[in-house]
């Protein structure tokens, strides 16, 4: 069933969550776009490709739902924002747009 947070995300916000004891990934699907909204991995588990593995799970689900694009974002005011941008670029994402303090990146899936 998942954590209480996962139940909340699913019920209240109609979003999806992938989680395990080391981290979580929150995403939504709108039309042909998969939007990864939040990713968190415990510091001691970073650099183990856990975030990538969770993203790949979300992408597989999204493809089954007919998605063609992956959208990700970074808050310009967040801690570690530079590392987040580097991570998205290394994942093959390209700059898409800016809306307020959010910077969006996109790629085909």
PDB file of N, CA and C in Angstrom:
ATOM      1  N   UNK A   1       0.828  -1.202   0.000  1.00  0.00           N
ATOM      2  CA  UNK A   1       0.000   0.000   0.000  1.00  0.00           C
ATOM      3  C   UNK A   1       0.859   1.248   0.000  1.00  0.00           C
ATOM      4  N   UNK A   2       2.026   1.210   0.615  1.00  0.00           N
ATOM      5  CA  UNK A   2       2.889   2.388   0.630  1.00  0.00           C
ATOM      6  C   UNK A   2       2.760   3.180   1.912  1.00  0.00           C
ATOM      7  N   UNK A   3       3.596   4.162   2.024  1.00  0.00           N
ATOM      8  CA  UNK A   3       3.607   5.016   3.205  1.00  0.00           C
ATOM      9  C   UNK A   3       2.365   5.898   3.262  1.00  0.00           C
ATOM     10  N   UNK A   4       2.189   6.529   4.381  1.00  0.00           N
ATOM     11  CA  UNK A   4       1.090   7.477   4.535  1.00  0.00           C
ATOM     12  C   UNK A   4       1.229   8.605   3.514  1.00  0.00           C
ATOM     13  N   UNK A   5       2.460   9.061   3.281  1.00  0.00           N
ATOM     14  CA  UNK A   5       2.707  10.103   2.278  1.00  0.00           C
ATOM     15  C   UNK A   5       2.289   9.622   0.891  1.00  0.00           C
ATOM     16  N   UNK A   6       2.630   8.392   0.544  1.00  0.00           N
ATOM     17  CA  UNK A   6       2.257   7.841  -0.763  1.00  0.00           C
ATOM     18  C   UNK A   6       0.744   7.762  -0.905  1.00  0.00           C
ATOM     19  N   UNK A   7       0.065   7.355   0.139  1.00  0.00           N
ATOM     20  CA  UNK A   7      -1.391   7.290   0.103  1.00  0.00           C
ATOM     21  C   UNK A   7      -1.992   8.678  -0.098  1.00  0.00           C
ATOM     22  N   UNK A   8      -1.427   9.668   0.574  1.00  0.00           N
ATOM     23  CA  UNK A   8      -1.893  11.050   0.440  1.00  0.00           C
ATOM     24  C   UNK A   8      -1.704  11.537  -0.998  1.00  0.00           C
ATOM     25  N   UNK A   9      -0.510  11.332  -1.532  1.00  0.00           N
ATOM     26  CA  UNK A   9      -0.202  11.787  -2.896  1.00  0.00           C
ATOM     27  C   UNK A   9      -1.173  11.163  -3.891  1.00  0.00           C
ATOM     28  N   UNK A  10      -1.407   9.884  -3.754  1.00  0.00           N
ATOM     29  CA  UNK A  10      -2.282   9.176  -4.669  1.00  0.00           C
ATOM     30  C   UNK A  10      -3.733   9.644  -4.553  1.00  0.00           C
ATOM     31  N   UNK A  11      -4.210   9.742  -3.328  1.00  0.00           N
ATOM     32  CA  UNK A  11      -5.617  10.085  -3.107  1.00  0.00           C
ATOM     33  C   UNK A  11      -5.903  11.564  -3.312  1.00  0.00           C
ATOM     34  N   UNK A  12      -5.108  12.395  -2.727  1.00  0.00           N
ATOM     35  CA  UNK A  12      -5.394  13.827  -2.702  1.00  0.00           C
ATOM     36  C   UNK A  12      -5.002  14.548  -3.989  1.00  0.00           C
ATOM     37  N   UNK A  13      -3.875  14.176  -4.544  1.00  0.00           N
ATOM     38  CA  UNK A  13      -3.341  14.934  -5.667  1.00  0.00           C
ATOM     39  C   UNK A  13      -3.377  14.168  -6.989  1.00  0.00           C
ATOM     40  N   UNK A  14      -3.884  12.948  -6.994  1.00  0.00           N
ATOM     41  CA  UNK A  14      -3.924  12.116  -8.204  1.00  0.00           C
ATOM     42  C   UNK A  14      -2.550  12.010  -8.859  1.00  0.00           C
ATOM     43  N   UNK A  15      -1.550  11.832  -8.021  1.00  0.00           N
ATOM     44  CA  UNK A  15      -0.182  11.670  -8.503  1.00  0.00           C
ATOM     45  C   UNK A  15       0.275  10.263  -8.161  1.00  0.00           C
ATOM     46  N   UNK A  16       1.419   9.901  -8.678  1.00  0.00           N
ATOM     47  CA  UNK A  16       1.984   8.584  -8.450  1.00  0.00           C
ATOM     48  C   UNK A  16       3.267   8.730  -7.650  1.00  0.00           C
ATOM     49  N   UNK A  17       3.613   7.691  -6.916  1.00  0.00           N
ATOM     50  CA  UNK A  17       4.848   7.731  -6.151  1.00  0.00           C
ATOM     51  C   UNK A  17       5.516   6.365  -6.202  1.00  0.00           C
ATOM     52  N   UNK A  18       6.816   6.407  -6.351  1.00  0.00           N
ATOM     53  CA  UNK A  18       7.651   5.220  -6.234  1.00  0.00           C
ATOM     54  C   UNK A  18       8.496   5.467  -5.003  1.00  0.00           C
ATOM     55  N   UNK A  19       8.504   4.521  -4.084  1.00  0.00           N
ATOM     56  CA  UNK A  19       9.277   4.746  -2.871  1.00  0.00           C
ATOM     57  C   UNK A  19       9.861   3.442  -2.359  1.00  0.00           C
ATOM     58  N   UNK A  20      10.939   3.597  -1.619  1.00  0.00           N
ATOM     59  CA  UNK A  20      11.548   2.483  -0.922  1.00  0.00           C
ATOM     60  C   UNK A  20      12.199   3.045   0.337  1.00  0.00           C
ATOM     61  N   UNK A  21      12.959   2.245   1.026  1.00  0.00           N
ATOM     62  CA  UNK A  21      13.525   2.700   2.295  1.00  0.00           C
ATOM     63  C   UNK A  21      14.591   3.778   2.125  1.00  0.00           C
ATOM     64  N   UNK A  22      15.057   4.011   0.889  1.00  0.00           N
ATOM     65  CA  UNK A  22      16.139   4.963   0.669  1.00  0.00           C
ATOM     66  C   UNK A  22      15.709   6.244  -0.039  1.00  0.00           C
ATOM     67  N   UNK A  23      14.493   6.272  -0.583  1.00  0.00           N
ATOM     68  CA  UNK A  23      14.073   7.478  -1.280  1.00  0.00           C
ATOM     69  C   UNK A  23      12.702   7.345  -1.902  1.00  0.00           C
ATOM     70  N   UNK A  24      12.305   8.419  -2.586  1.00  0.00           N
ATOM     71  CA  UNK A  24      11.016   8.419  -3.284  1.00  0.00           C
ATOM     72  C   UNK A  24      11.085   9.308  -4.513  1.00  0.00           C
ATOM     73  N   UNK A  25      10.134   9.090  -5.420  1.00  0.00           N
ATOM     74  CA  UNK A  25       9.979   9.876  -6.628  1.00  0.00           C
ATOM     75  C   UNK A  25       8.484  10.090  -6.829  1.00  0.00           C
ATOM     76  N   UNK A  26       8.074  11.337  -7.008  1.00  0.00           N
ATOM     77  CA  UNK A  26       6.665  11.689  -7.223  1.00  0.00           C
ATOM     78  C   UNK A  26       6.518  12.154  -8.670  1.00  0.00           C
ATOM     79  N   UNK A  27       5.508  11.614  -9.344  1.00  0.00           N
ATOM     80  CA  UNK A  27       5.290  12.010 -10.736  1.00  0.00           C
ATOM     81  C   UNK A  27       3.815  12.069 -11.073  1.00  0.00           C
ATOM     82  N   UNK A  28       3.538  12.778 -12.167  1.00  0.00           N
ATOM     83  CA  UNK A  28       2.184  12.845 -12.689  1.00  0.00           C
ATOM     84  C   UNK A  28       2.234  12.650 -14.197  1.00  0.00           C
ATOM     85  N   UNK A  29       1.115  12.252 -14.735  1.00  0.00           N
ATOM     86  CA  UNK A  29       0.986  12.035 -16.170  1.00  0.00           C
ATOM     87  C   UNK A  29      -0.162  12.901 -16.652  1.00  0.00           C
ATOM     88  N   UNK A  30       0.157  13.728 -17.656  1.00  0.00           N
ATOM     89  CA  UNK A  30      -0.869  14.579 -18.234  1.00  0.00           C
ATOM     90  C   UNK A  30      -0.747  14.505 -19.748  1.00  0.00           C
ATOM     91  N   UNK A  31      -1.725  13.878 -20.370  1.00  0.00           N
ATOM     92  CA  UNK A  31      -1.656  13.672 -21.808  1.00  0.00           C
ATOM     93  C   UNK A  31      -0.481  12.780 -22.143  1.00  0.00           C
ATOM     94  N   UNK A  32       0.413  13.278 -22.989  1.00  0.00           N
ATOM     95  CA  UNK A  32       1.579  12.502 -23.407  1.00  0.00           C
ATOM     96  C   UNK A  32       2.842  12.922 -22.664  1.00  0.00           C
ATOM     97  N   UNK A  33       2.670  13.607 -21.529  1.00  0.00           N
ATOM     98  CA  UNK A  33       3.823  14.109 -20.780  1.00  0.00           C
ATOM     99  C   UNK A  33       3.875  13.500 -19.380  1.00  0.00           C
ATOM    100  N   UNK A  34       5.025  12.937 -19.077  1.00  0.00           N
ATOM    101  CA  UNK A  34       5.339  12.461 -17.728  1.00  0.00           C
ATOM    102  C   UNK A  34       6.120  13.572 -17.046  1.00  0.00           C
ATOM    103  N   UNK A  35       5.633  14.045 -15.912  1.00  0.00           N
ATOM    104  CA  UNK A  35       6.311  15.100 -15.165  1.00  0.00           C
ATOM    105  C   UNK A  35       6.815  14.534 -13.845  1.00  0.00           C
ATOM    106  N   UNK A  36       8.126  14.468 -13.702  1.00  0.00           N
ATOM    107  CA  UNK A  36       8.714  14.053 -12.438  1.00  0.00           C
ATOM    108  C   UNK A  36       8.811  15.298 -11.571  1.00  0.00           C
ATOM    109  N   UNK A  37       8.027  15.314 -10.502  1.00  0.00           N
ATOM    110  CA  UNK A  37       7.886  16.504  -9.677  1.00  0.00           C
ATOM    111  C   UNK A  37       8.877  16.578  -8.525  1.00  0.00           C
ATOM    112  N   UNK A  38       9.122  15.459  -7.889  1.00  0.00           N
ATOM    113  CA  UNK A  38      10.011  15.432  -6.730  1.00  0.00           C
ATOM    114  C   UNK A  38      10.807  14.138  -6.722  1.00  0.00           C
ATOM    115  N   UNK A  39      12.060  14.253  -6.343  1.00  0.00           N
ATOM    116  CA  UNK A  39      12.915  13.087  -6.148  1.00  0.00           C
ATOM    117  C   UNK A  39      13.715  13.345  -4.881  1.00  0.00           C
ATOM    118  N   UNK A  40      13.750  12.341  -4.021  1.00  0.00           N
ATOM    119  CA  UNK A  40      14.595  12.438  -2.835  1.00  0.00           C
ATOM    120  C   UNK A  40      15.262  11.089  -2.602  1.00  0.00           C
ATOM    121  N   UNK A  41      16.572  11.139  -2.385  1.00  0.00           N
ATOM    122  CA  UNK A  41      17.349   9.957  -2.027  1.00  0.00           C
ATOM    123  C   UNK A  41      18.165  10.325  -0.795  1.00  0.00           C
ATOM    124  N   UNK A  42      18.149   9.447   0.200  1.00  0.00           N
ATOM    125  CA  UNK A  42      18.937   9.695   1.419  1.00  0.00           C
ATOM    126  C   UNK A  42      20.389   9.959   1.037  1.00  0.00           C
ATOM    127  N   UNK A  43      21.036  10.896   1.724  1.00  0.00           N
ATOM    128  CA  UNK A  43      22.420  11.265   1.360  1.00  0.00           C
ATOM    129  C   UNK A  43      23.374  10.082   1.233  1.00  0.00           C
ATOM    130  N   UNK A  44      23.279   9.111   2.113  1.00  0.00           N
ATOM    131  CA  UNK A  44      24.213   7.983   2.064  1.00  0.00           C
ATOM    132  C   UNK A  44      23.959   7.049   0.880  1.00  0.00           C
ATOM    133  N   UNK A  45      22.827   7.219   0.192  1.00  0.00           N
ATOM    134  CA  UNK A  45      22.488   6.376  -0.954  1.00  0.00           C
ATOM    135  C   UNK A  45      22.654   7.100  -2.286  1.00  0.00           C
ATOM    136  N   UNK A  46      23.057   8.366  -2.238  1.00  0.00           N
ATOM    137  CA  UNK A  46      23.246   9.117  -3.472  1.00  0.00           C
ATOM    138  C   UNK A  46      24.460   8.578  -4.217  1.00  0.00           C
ATOM    139  N   UNK A  47      24.464   8.763  -5.504  1.00  0.00           N
ATOM    140  CA  UNK A  47      25.514   8.256  -6.404  1.00  0.00           C
ATOM    141  C   UNK A  47      25.458   6.733  -6.558  1.00  0.00           C
ATOM    142  N   UNK A  48      24.302   6.148  -6.241  1.00  0.00           N
ATOM    143  CA  UNK A  48      24.103   4.707  -6.432  1.00  0.00           C
ATOM    144  C   UNK A  48      23.137   4.439  -7.589  1.00  0.00           C
ATOM    145  N   UNK A  49      22.727   5.479  -8.273  1.00  0.00           N
ATOM    146  CA  UNK A  49      21.797   5.413  -9.402  1.00  0.00           C
ATOM    147  C   UNK A  49      20.364   5.076  -8.981  1.00  0.00           C
ATOM    148  N   UNK A  50      20.059   5.239  -7.702  1.00  0.00           N
ATOM    149  CA  UNK A  50      18.702   4.961  -7.229  1.00  0.00           C
ATOM    150  C   UNK A  50      17.684   5.895  -7.880  1.00  0.00           C
ATOM    151  N   UNK A  51      17.999   7.177  -7.975  1.00  0.00           N
ATOM    152  CA  UNK A  51      17.072   8.121  -8.609  1.00  0.00           C
ATOM    153  C   UNK A  51      16.813   7.728 -10.065  1.00  0.00           C
ATOM    154  N   UNK A  52      17.859   7.326 -10.759  1.00  0.00           N
ATOM    155  CA  UNK A  52      17.706   6.897 -12.153  1.00  0.00           C
ATOM    156  C   UNK A  52      16.823   5.658 -12.238  1.00  0.00           C
ATOM    157  N   UNK A  53      17.014   4.714 -11.327  1.00  0.00           N
ATOM    158  CA  UNK A  53      16.199   3.501 -11.328  1.00  0.00           C
ATOM    159  C   UNK A  53      14.725   3.834 -11.100  1.00  0.00           C
ATOM    160  N   UNK A  54      14.453   4.746 -10.168  1.00  0.00           N
ATOM    161  CA  UNK A  54      13.067   5.132  -9.919  1.00  0.00           C
ATOM    162  C   UNK A  54      12.488   5.873 -11.116  1.00  0.00           C
ATOM    163  N   UNK A  55      13.297   6.731 -11.756  1.00  0.00           N
ATOM    164  CA  UNK A  55      12.843   7.444 -12.950  1.00  0.00           C
ATOM    165  C   UNK A  55      12.511   6.457 -14.064  1.00  0.00           C
ATOM    166  N   UNK A  56      13.328   5.447 -14.228  1.00  0.00           N
ATOM    167  CA  UNK A  56      13.071   4.442 -15.261  1.00  0.00           C
ATOM    168  C   UNK A  56      11.767   3.694 -15.001  1.00  0.00           C
ATOM    169  N   UNK A  57      11.456   3.430 -13.736  1.00  0.00           N
ATOM    170  CA  UNK A  57      10.174   2.792 -13.396  1.00  0.00           C
ATOM    171  C   UNK A  57       9.016   3.700 -13.793  1.00  0.00           C
ATOM    172  N   UNK A  58       9.141   4.988 -13.480  1.00  0.00           N
ATOM    173  CA  UNK A  58       8.089   5.945 -13.836  1.00  0.00           C
ATOM    174  C   UNK A  58       7.941   6.033 -15.352  1.00  0.00           C
ATOM    175  N   UNK A  59       9.053   6.037 -16.063  1.00  0.00           N
ATOM    176  CA  UNK A  59       9.018   6.110 -17.534  1.00  0.00           C
ATOM    177  C   UNK A  59       8.319   4.891 -18.118  1.00  0.00           C
ATOM    178  N   UNK A  60       8.606   3.717 -17.594  1.00  0.00           N
ATOM    179  CA  UNK A  60       7.940   2.510 -18.094  1.00  0.00           C
ATOM    180  C   UNK A  60       6.431   2.606 -17.899  1.00  0.00           C
ATOM    181  N   UNK A  61       6.001   3.058 -16.730  1.00  0.00           N
ATOM    182  CA  UNK A  61       4.569   3.232 -16.478  1.00  0.00           C
ATOM    183  C   UNK A  61       3.988   4.265 -17.443  1.00  0.00           C
ATOM    184  N   UNK A  62       4.701   5.361 -17.622  1.00  0.00           N
ATOM    185  CA  UNK A  62       4.214   6.436 -18.491  1.00  0.00           C
ATOM    186  C   UNK A  62       4.106   5.987 -19.946  1.00  0.00           C
ATOM    187  N   UNK A  63       5.062   5.221 -20.412  1.00  0.00           N
ATOM    188  CA  UNK A  63       5.003   4.714 -21.781  1.00  0.00           C
ATOM    189  C   UNK A  63       3.769   3.849 -21.983  1.00  0.00           C
ATOM    190  N   UNK A  64       3.433   3.047 -20.985  1.00  0.00           N
ATOM    191  CA  UNK A  64       2.226   2.215 -21.059  1.00  0.00           C
ATOM    192  C   UNK A  64       0.973   3.078 -21.147  1.00  0.00           C
ATOM    193  N   UNK A  65       1.066   4.299 -20.632  1.00  0.00           N
ATOM    194  CA  UNK A  65      -0.061   5.236 -20.661  1.00  0.00           C
ATOM    195  C   UNK A  65      -0.022   6.134 -21.903  1.00  0.00           C
ATOM    196  N   UNK A  66       0.946   5.909 -22.790  1.00  0.00           N
ATOM    197  CA  UNK A  66       1.031   6.659 -24.042  1.00  0.00           C
ATOM    198  C   UNK A  66       1.903   7.900 -24.009  1.00  0.00           C
ATOM    199  N   UNK A  67       2.697   8.067 -22.986  1.00  0.00           N
ATOM    200  CA  UNK A  67       3.547   9.256 -22.878  1.00  0.00           C
ATOM    201  C   UNK A  67       4.692   9.213 -23.886  1.00  0.00           C
ATOM    202  N   UNK A  68       5.060  10.393 -24.358  1.00  0.00           N
ATOM    203  CA  UNK A  68       6.142  10.546 -25.326  1.00  0.00           C
ATOM    204  C   UNK A  68       7.254  11.463 -24.819  1.00  0.00           C
ATOM    205  N   UNK A  69       6.967  12.246 -23.778  1.00  0.00           N
ATOM    206  CA  UNK A  69       7.926  13.232 -23.274  1.00  0.00           C
ATOM    207  C   UNK A  69       8.089  13.088 -21.767  1.00  0.00           C
ATOM    208  N   UNK A  70       9.297  13.406 -21.303  1.00  0.00           N
ATOM    209  CA  UNK A  70       9.609  13.464 -19.883  1.00  0.00           C
ATOM    210  C   UNK A  70       9.933  14.906 -19.549  1.00  0.00           C
ATOM    211  N   UNK A  71       9.266  15.445 -18.552  1.00  0.00           N
ATOM    212  CA  UNK A  71       9.480  16.813 -18.091  1.00  0.00           C
ATOM    213  C   UNK A  71       9.999  16.756 -16.669  1.00  0.00           C
ATOM    214  N   UNK A  72      11.023  17.525 -16.403  1.00  0.00           N
ATOM    215  CA  UNK A  72      11.570  17.629 -15.053  1.00  0.00           C
ATOM    216  C   UNK A  72      11.814  19.095 -14.745  1.00  0.00           C
ATOM    217  N   UNK A  73      11.979  19.412 -13.470  1.00  0.00           N
ATOM    218  CA  UNK A  73      12.168  20.811 -13.105  1.00  0.00           C
ATOM    219  C   UNK A  73      13.131  20.952 -11.940  1.00  0.00           C
ATOM    220  N   UNK A  74      13.663  22.154 -11.826  1.00  0.00           N
ATOM    221  CA  UNK A  74      14.537  22.519 -10.722  1.00  0.00           C
ATOM    222  C   UNK A  74      14.100  23.899 -10.245  1.00  0.00           C
ATOM    223  N   UNK A  75      13.959  24.035  -8.950  1.00  0.00           N
ATOM    224  CA  UNK A  75      13.650  25.341  -8.381  1.00  0.00           C
ATOM    225  C   UNK A  75      14.934  26.159  -8.298  1.00  0.00           C
ATOM    226  N   UNK A  76      14.888  27.362  -8.815  1.00  0.00           N
ATOM    227  CA  UNK A  76      16.067  28.239  -8.804  1.00  0.00           C
ATOM    228  C   UNK A  76      16.441  28.686  -7.399  1.00  0.00           C
ATOM    229  N   UNK A  77      15.568  28.461  -6.432  1.00  0.00           N
ATOM    230  CA  UNK A  77      15.869  28.876  -5.058  1.00  0.00           C
ATOM    231  C   UNK A  77      16.150  27.688  -4.138  1.00  0.00           C
ATOM    232  N   UNK A  78      16.183  26.490  -4.692  1.00  0.00           N
ATOM    233  CA  UNK A  78      16.403  25.281  -3.889  1.00  0.00           C
ATOM    234  C   UNK A  78      17.879  25.108  -3.539  1.00  0.00           C
ATOM    235  N   UNK A  79      18.129  24.449  -2.421  1.00  0.00           N
ATOM    236  CA  UNK A  79      19.487  24.013  -2.108  1.00  0.00           C
ATOM    237  C   UNK A  79      19.895  22.974  -3.146  1.00  0.00           C
ATOM    238  N   UNK A  80      21.179  22.898  -3.432  1.00  0.00           N
ATOM    239  CA  UNK A  80      21.713  21.893  -4.366  1.00  0.00           C
ATOM    240  C   UNK A  80      21.156  22.023  -5.780  1.00  0.00           C
ATOM    241  N   UNK A  81      20.658  23.212  -6.139  1.00  0.00           N
ATOM    242  CA  UNK A  81      20.058  23.390  -7.465  1.00  0.00           C
ATOM    243  C   UNK A  81      21.039  23.134  -8.598  1.00  0.00           C
ATOM    244  N   UNK A  82      22.302  23.506  -8.409  1.00  0.00           N
ATOM    245  CA  UNK A  82      23.287  23.296  -9.469  1.00  0.00           C
ATOM    246  C   UNK A  82      23.481  21.805  -9.745  1.00  0.00           C
ATOM    247  N   UNK A  83      23.555  21.009  -8.686  1.00  0.00           N
ATOM    248  CA  UNK A  83      23.709  19.563  -8.860  1.00  0.00           C
ATOM    249  C   UNK A  83      22.478  18.975  -9.537  1.00  0.00           C
ATOM    250  N   UNK A  84      21.307  19.485  -9.209  1.00  0.00           N
ATOM    251  CA  UNK A  84      20.082  18.989  -9.843  1.00  0.00           C
ATOM    252  C   UNK A  84      20.084  19.277 -11.343  1.00  0.00           C
ATOM    253  N   UNK A  85      20.529  20.455 -11.733  1.00  0.00           N
ATOM    254  CA  UNK A  85      20.606  20.799 -13.158  1.00  0.00           C
ATOM    255  C   UNK A  85      21.590  19.883 -13.860  1.00  0.00           C
ATOM    256  N   UNK A  86      22.753  19.670 -13.277  1.00  0.00           N
ATOM    257  CA  UNK A  86      23.758  18.779 -13.866  1.00  0.00           C
ATOM    258  C   UNK A  86      23.190  17.368 -14.023  1.00  0.00           C
ATOM    259  N   UNK A  87      22.484  16.899 -13.019  1.00  0.00           N
ATOM    260  CA  UNK A  87      21.889  15.562 -13.070  1.00  0.00           C
ATOM    261  C   UNK A  87      20.901  15.447 -14.229  1.00  0.00           C
ATOM    262  N   UNK A  88      20.039  16.438 -14.390  1.00  0.00           N
ATOM    263  CA  UNK A  88      19.060  16.398 -15.477  1.00  0.00           C
ATOM    264  C   UNK A  88      19.745  16.436 -16.844  1.00  0.00           C
ATOM    265  N   UNK A  89      20.747  17.270 -16.994  1.00  0.00           N
ATOM    266  CA  UNK A  89      21.472  17.359 -18.265  1.00  0.00           C
ATOM    267  C   UNK A  89      22.191  16.040 -18.553  1.00  0.00           C
ATOM    268  N   UNK A  90      22.820  15.465 -17.532  1.00  0.00           N
ATOM    269  CA  UNK A  90      23.491  14.169 -17.723  1.00  0.00           C
ATOM    270  C   UNK A  90      22.503  13.061 -18.068  1.00  0.00           C
ATOM    271  N   UNK A  91      21.258  13.236 -17.703  1.00  0.00           N
ATOM    272  CA  UNK A  91      20.214  12.251 -18.007  1.00  0.00           C
ATOM    273  C   UNK A  91      19.663  12.453 -19.430  1.00  0.00           C
ATOM    274  N   UNK A  92      20.209  13.434 -20.132  1.00  0.00           N
ATOM    275  CA  UNK A  92      19.811  13.669 -21.517  1.00  0.00           C
ATOM    276  C   UNK A  92      18.722  14.694 -21.701  1.00  0.00           C
ATOM    277  N   UNK A  93      18.393  15.410 -20.653  1.00  0.00           N
ATOM    278  CA  UNK A  93      17.332  16.400 -20.753  1.00  0.00           C
ATOM    279  C   UNK A  93      17.893  17.724 -21.263  1.00  0.00           C
ATOM    280  N   UNK A  94      17.049  18.466 -21.949  1.00  0.00           N
ATOM    281  CA  UNK A  94      17.406  19.762 -22.521  1.00  0.00           C
ATOM    282  C   UNK A  94      16.552  20.849 -21.877  1.00  0.00           C
ATOM    283  N   UNK A  95      17.123  22.047 -21.804  1.00  0.00           N
ATOM    284  CA  UNK A  95      16.371  23.187 -21.282  1.00  0.00           C
ATOM    285  C   UNK A  95      15.087  23.356 -22.085  1.00  0.00           C
ATOM    286  N   UNK A  96      13.986  23.620 -21.371  1.00  0.00           N
ATOM    287  CA  UNK A  96      12.690  23.792 -22.023  1.00  0.00           C
ATOM    288  C   UNK A  96      12.138  25.203 -21.815  1.00  0.00           C
ATOM    289  N   UNK A  97      11.952  25.600 -20.563  1.00  0.00           N
ATOM    290  CA  UNK A  97      11.355  26.903 -20.284  1.00  0.00           C
ATOM    291  C   UNK A  97      11.591  27.295 -18.824  1.00  0.00           C
ATOM    292  N   UNK A  98      11.257  28.536 -18.508  1.00  0.00           N
ATOM    293  CA  UNK A  98      11.304  29.044 -17.140  1.00  0.00           C
ATOM    294  C   UNK A  98       9.933  29.607 -16.823  1.00  0.00           C
ATOM    295  N   UNK A  99       9.450  29.293 -15.621  1.00  0.00           N
ATOM    296  CA  UNK A  99       8.183  29.849 -15.155  1.00  0.00           C
ATOM    297  C   UNK A  99       8.384  30.244 -13.702  1.00  0.00           C
ATOM    298  N   UNK A 100       8.498  31.525 -13.440  1.00  0.00           N
ATOM    299  CA  UNK A 100       8.786  31.985 -12.086  1.00  0.00           C
ATOM    300  C   UNK A 100      10.165  31.512 -11.671  1.00  0.00           C
ATOM    301  N   UNK A 101      10.230  30.823 -10.538  1.00  0.00           N
ATOM    302  CA  UNK A 101      11.523  30.321 -10.061  1.00  0.00           C
ATOM    303  C   UNK A 101      11.795  28.888 -10.514  1.00  0.00           C
ATOM    304  N   UNK A 102      10.925  28.333 -11.328  1.00  0.00           N
ATOM    305  CA  UNK A 102      11.089  26.960 -11.799  1.00  0.00           C
ATOM    306  C   UNK A 102      11.708  26.943 -13.201  1.00  0.00           C
ATOM    307  N   UNK A 103      12.727  26.090 -13.342  1.00  0.00           N
ATOM    308  CA  UNK A 103      13.388  25.887 -14.637  1.00  0.00           C
ATOM    309  C   UNK A 103      13.025  24.477 -15.090  1.00  0.00           C
ATOM    310  N   UNK A 104      12.478  24.363 -16.290  1.00  0.00           N
ATOM    311  CA  UNK A 104      11.994  23.078 -16.788  1.00  0.00           C
ATOM    312  C   UNK A 104      12.908  22.516 -17.869  1.00  0.00           C
ATOM    313  N   UNK A 105      13.055  21.185 -17.838  1.00  0.00           N
ATOM    314  CA  UNK A 105      13.858  20.455 -18.798  1.00  0.00           C
ATOM    315  C   UNK A 105      12.981  19.355 -19.389  1.00  0.00           C
ATOM    316  N   UNK A 106      13.290  18.957 -20.634  1.00  0.00           N
ATOM    317  CA  UNK A 106      12.436  17.979 -21.312  1.00  0.00           C
ATOM    318  C   UNK A 106      13.284  17.044 -22.166  1.00  0.00           C
ATOM    319  N   UNK A 107      12.743  15.844 -22.405  1.00  0.00           N
ATOM    320  CA  UNK A 107      13.358  14.910 -23.357  1.00  0.00           C
ATOM    321  C   UNK A 107      12.308  13.934 -23.846  1.00  0.00           C
ATOM    322  N   UNK A 108      12.589  13.360 -25.029  1.00  0.00           N
ATOM    323  CA  UNK A 108      11.725  12.305 -25.558  1.00  0.00           C
ATOM    324  C   UNK A 108      11.962  11.015 -24.799  1.00  0.00           C
ATOM    325  N   UNK A 109      10.889  10.249 -24.631  1.00  0.00           N
ATOM    326  CA  UNK A 109      11.043   8.931 -23.988  1.00  0.00           C
ATOM    327  C   UNK A 109      10.536   7.849 -24.922  1.00  0.00           C
TER     328      UNK A 109
END
